[in-house]
Amino acid sequence: MSEQLIFDLPIKTAFGREDFFVTTANATAVQIVENWPRWPMGKLVLVGPSGAGKSHLAHIWAELTDGIVIDARTLTDVDLHEISQAAVCVENMHLVAGNEGLEAHGFHLHNLAQETGAPLLMTGIGVPTSWGIALPDLASRIQGTSVAELRAPDDTLLNAVMVKQFSDRQIAIDPKVVNFVLPRMERSFAGVAKLVALLDRAALKAGKPISVKLARQVLDTAV
């Protein structure tokens, strides 16, 4: 039998509150984010590893506050005065480090939000002191902001994240497959994302649903 054609279809990520699974690994961060009216100085930094759910939680917060979510790499392309009039989340703030223009705009947005009283949420990977931001004024403002951390995932959260990522790909995964791969895979959010993509591609290539047998083959050949 010939191999199936593979099409890279867009993945529809679900960002609703009902799609965010809360466990002991993220419960504290979720509580802090959702309790945004009590943030000191109306601002917060949300950190965690890649794929930990920062974007998802940021969109939940934006829904709660009727705010917007932008990527830090677009700071030089937006009207800072306009977006600072309401709640704003700047994702991937760690990526402005070393870019003079982005750092300057990040600092300007921070100050505008403080002036208008608009809540400001910033997300990033790693603690802010490790970001390497060169502009002293921006670095001090961020390092002086309260931090909420999405911690390393437990088994329950890894299971939920894997099921959700399959669901985002319109795949109803057999629980037996999830139970099989969890003890054998890289135990991280990035590991989940990589394995889900590999399993999806292998199933499309074989023209068969994802099974324990297919999962075993993928795990045996995965780098």
Protein backbone atom coordinates (compact mmCIF):
# COMPACT_ATOMS: atom_id res chain seq x y z
CA MET A 1 0.00 0.00 0.00
CA SER A 2 1.34 3.44 -0.92
CA GLU A 3 2.00 5.97 1.81
CA GLN A 4 -0.62 8.63 2.50
CA LEU A 5 -0.07 12.21 1.42
CA ILE A 6 0.65 14.48 4.38
CA PHE A 7 -0.78 17.99 4.57
CA ASP A 8 0.39 20.54 7.16
CA LEU A 9 -3.01 21.75 8.27
CA PRO A 10 -3.27 24.62 10.76
CA ILE A 11 -3.62 23.59 14.41
CA LYS A 12 -6.58 25.23 16.13
CA THR A 13 -5.44 25.85 19.70
CA ALA A 14 -8.22 26.11 22.27
CA PHE A 15 -7.62 28.99 24.70
CA GLY A 16 -10.80 28.84 26.80
CA ARG A 17 -10.78 28.66 30.60
CA GLU A 18 -12.49 25.27 30.40
CA ASP A 19 -9.55 24.01 28.34
CA PHE A 20 -6.97 24.91 31.00
CA PHE A 21 -6.33 21.98 33.33
CA VAL A 22 -5.34 22.98 36.87
CA THR A 23 -3.12 20.75 39.05
CA THR A 24 -0.70 21.32 41.91
CA ALA A 25 1.94 22.26 39.31
CA ASN A 26 0.10 25.39 38.19
CA ALA A 27 -2.68 26.08 40.71
CA THR A 28 -0.84 28.88 42.52
CA ALA A 29 0.05 30.70 39.29
CA VAL A 30 -3.52 30.40 38.02
CA GLN A 31 -4.87 31.83 41.27
CA ILE A 32 -2.45 34.77 41.13
CA VAL A 33 -3.24 35.55 37.49
CA GLU A 34 -7.00 35.36 37.99
CA ASN A 35 -6.73 37.56 41.10
CA TRP A 36 -5.30 40.38 38.96
CA PRO A 37 -7.05 43.28 40.80
CA ARG A 38 -4.73 42.60 43.76
CA TRP A 39 -1.44 42.64 41.84
CA PRO A 40 1.08 45.02 43.45
CA MET A 41 1.28 48.12 41.23
CA GLY A 42 -1.11 46.43 38.79
CA LYS A 43 1.52 44.31 37.08
CA LEU A 44 2.81 40.73 37.03
CA VAL A 45 5.44 38.58 35.32
CA LEU A 46 4.30 35.04 34.45
CA VAL A 47 7.16 32.62 33.84
CA GLY A 48 7.51 28.95 33.01
CA PRO A 49 9.10 26.54 30.54
CA SER A 50 8.13 26.44 26.87
CA GLY A 51 4.68 24.94 26.41
CA ALA A 52 3.78 25.33 30.09
CA GLY A 53 0.55 27.16 29.30
CA LYS A 54 1.70 30.79 29.55
CA SER A 55 -0.07 31.79 26.33
CA HIS A 56 -3.21 29.94 27.34
CA LEU A 57 -3.30 31.59 30.75
CA ALA A 58 -2.53 34.98 29.17
CA HIS A 59 -5.57 34.66 26.91
CA ILE A 60 -7.74 33.64 29.87
CA TRP A 61 -6.53 36.78 31.67
CA ALA A 62 -7.21 38.93 28.61
CA GLU A 63 -10.75 37.59 28.54
CA LEU A 64 -11.20 38.39 32.25
CA THR A 65 -9.87 41.93 31.88
CA ASP A 66 -11.23 42.69 28.40
CA GLY A 67 -7.59 43.22 27.43
CA ILE A 68 -5.32 42.31 24.56
CA VAL A 69 -2.36 39.99 24.06
CA ILE A 70 0.63 41.01 21.94
CA ASP A 71 4.02 39.48 21.29
CA ALA A 72 7.02 41.40 22.63
CA ARG A 73 8.66 41.20 19.22
CA THR A 74 5.90 43.47 17.83
CA LEU A 75 6.38 46.26 20.38
CA THR A 76 7.91 48.57 17.78
CA ASP A 77 4.94 48.02 15.46
CA VAL A 78 2.05 48.95 17.78
CA ASP A 79 0.68 52.23 19.11
CA LEU A 80 1.86 52.13 22.72
CA HIS A 81 -0.37 55.01 23.81
CA GLU A 82 -3.43 53.26 22.42
CA ILE A 83 -2.83 49.81 23.88
CA SER A 84 -1.84 51.21 27.28
CA GLN A 85 -5.36 52.53 27.81
CA ALA A 86 -6.60 49.05 28.80
CA ALA A 87 -5.26 45.75 30.12
CA VAL A 88 -2.39 44.41 28.02
CA CYS A 89 -0.31 41.24 28.08
CA VAL A 90 3.12 41.22 26.46
CA GLU A 91 4.18 37.65 25.69
CA ASN A 92 7.78 36.47 25.32
CA MET A 93 9.21 39.48 27.10
CA HIS A 94 12.52 37.66 27.48
CA LEU A 95 13.00 37.93 23.72
CA VAL A 96 13.43 41.72 23.80
CA ALA A 97 16.85 41.26 25.43
CA GLY A 98 19.62 42.69 23.29
CA ASN A 99 17.27 44.55 20.94
CA GLU A 100 17.62 48.25 21.72
CA GLY A 101 14.36 49.26 20.03
CA LEU A 102 12.25 46.54 21.64
CA GLU A 103 13.74 47.20 25.07
CA ALA A 104 13.02 50.93 24.77
CA HIS A 105 9.43 50.30 23.67
CA GLY A 106 8.96 47.77 26.46
CA PHE A 107 10.11 50.36 28.99
CA HIS A 108 7.83 53.00 27.46
CA LEU A 109 4.81 50.68 27.56
CA HIS A 110 5.52 49.80 31.18
CA ASN A 111 5.56 53.46 32.15
CA LEU A 112 2.43 54.29 30.16
CA ALA A 113 0.54 51.41 31.79
CA GLN A 114 1.61 52.65 35.22
CA GLU A 115 0.44 56.16 34.35
CA THR A 116 -2.98 55.04 33.06
CA GLY A 117 -3.46 52.38 35.73
CA ALA A 118 -3.89 49.68 33.10
CA PRO A 119 -3.03 46.16 34.30
CA LEU A 120 0.14 44.80 32.69
CA LEU A 121 0.98 41.10 32.36
CA MET A 122 4.34 40.02 30.96
CA THR A 123 5.31 36.44 30.17
CA GLY A 124 8.69 34.83 29.61
CA ILE A 125 10.90 31.78 29.99
CA GLY A 126 13.18 31.69 33.01
CA VAL A 127 13.38 34.16 35.87
CA PRO A 128 13.60 37.84 34.81
CA THR A 129 17.11 38.19 36.25
CA SER A 130 18.31 35.68 33.64
CA TRP A 131 16.81 37.47 30.64
CA GLY A 132 19.84 39.66 30.02
CA ILE A 133 17.94 42.88 29.35
CA ALA A 134 20.51 45.61 28.68
CA LEU A 135 18.39 48.71 29.36
CA PRO A 136 18.87 49.28 33.12
CA ASP A 137 15.55 51.08 33.58
CA LEU A 138 13.56 48.26 31.96
CA ALA A 139 15.52 45.55 33.77
CA SER A 140 14.89 47.19 37.14
CA ARG A 141 11.17 47.65 36.45
CA ILE A 142 10.73 44.01 35.45
CA GLN A 143 12.86 42.65 38.28
CA GLY A 144 10.82 44.75 40.68
CA THR A 145 7.58 43.13 39.46
CA SER A 146 5.88 40.25 41.27
CA VAL A 147 6.41 36.86 39.60
CA ALA A 148 4.06 33.89 39.20
CA GLU A 149 5.63 30.62 38.08
CA LEU A 150 4.17 27.70 36.16
CA ARG A 151 6.20 24.84 37.59
CA ALA A 152 7.41 21.59 35.98
CA PRO A 153 4.43 19.37 35.12
CA ASP A 154 3.24 16.43 37.18
CA ASP A 155 1.75 13.26 35.67
CA THR A 156 -1.79 14.57 35.80
CA LEU A 157 -0.87 17.77 33.98
CA LEU A 158 1.26 16.00 31.35
CA ASN A 159 -1.69 13.71 30.64
CA ALA A 160 -4.07 16.64 30.30
CA VAL A 161 -1.68 18.65 28.11
CA MET A 162 -1.17 15.71 25.77
CA VAL A 163 -4.90 15.09 25.41
CA LYS A 164 -5.46 18.79 24.75
CA GLN A 165 -2.75 18.96 22.11
CA PHE A 166 -4.26 16.00 20.31
CA SER A 167 -7.66 17.68 20.59
CA ASP A 168 -6.21 20.85 19.06
CA ARG A 169 -5.28 18.65 16.10
CA GLN A 170 -8.83 17.25 15.99
CA ILE A 171 -7.62 13.84 17.22
CA ALA A 172 -9.53 11.84 19.84
CA ILE A 173 -6.64 9.90 21.35
CA ASP A 174 -7.09 6.48 22.97
CA PRO A 175 -6.28 6.78 26.72
CA LYS A 176 -4.26 3.56 26.39
CA VAL A 177 -1.83 5.38 24.11
CA VAL A 178 -1.39 8.22 26.59
CA ASN A 179 -0.87 5.80 29.48
CA PHE A 180 1.72 3.93 27.41
CA VAL A 181 3.82 6.91 26.31
CA LEU A 182 3.85 9.02 29.50
CA PRO A 183 6.36 6.85 31.42
CA ARG A 184 8.56 6.49 28.33
CA MET A 185 8.76 10.04 27.00
CA GLU A 186 10.68 13.20 27.87
CA ARG A 187 8.80 14.54 30.87
CA SER A 188 8.35 18.14 29.82
CA PHE A 189 5.85 20.28 27.95
CA ALA A 190 8.27 20.50 25.04
CA GLY A 191 8.52 16.71 25.07
CA VAL A 192 4.74 16.42 24.86
CA ALA A 193 4.55 18.82 21.92
CA LYS A 194 7.31 16.98 20.06
CA LEU A 195 5.80 13.55 20.62
CA VAL A 196 2.27 14.62 19.68
CA ALA A 197 3.59 16.05 16.41
CA LEU A 198 5.58 12.87 15.68
CA LEU A 199 2.62 10.61 16.41
CA ASP A 200 0.28 12.72 14.31
CA ARG A 201 2.69 12.69 11.38
CA ALA A 202 3.37 8.95 11.70
CA ALA A 203 -0.37 8.19 11.74
CA LEU A 204 -0.98 10.35 8.67
CA LYS A 205 1.91 8.70 6.86
CA ALA A 206 0.68 5.20 7.69
CA GLY A 207 -2.96 6.06 7.06
CA LYS A 208 -3.90 4.54 10.41
CA PRO A 209 -5.14 5.85 13.77
CA ILE A 210 -2.63 6.31 16.56
CA SER A 211 -2.25 3.05 18.47
CA VAL A 212 0.03 1.70 21.17
CA LYS A 213 1.89 -0.23 18.48
CA LEU A 214 2.47 2.93 16.43
CA ALA A 215 3.46 4.83 19.56
CA ARG A 216 6.04 2.17 20.41
CA GLN A 217 7.52 2.45 16.90
CA VAL A 218 7.71 6.25 17.15
CA LEU A 219 9.34 6.15 20.57
CA ASP A 220 11.88 3.56 19.36
CA THR A 221 12.92 5.77 16.44
CA ALA A 222 12.61 9.21 18.02
CA VAL A 223 15.83 11.06 18.62
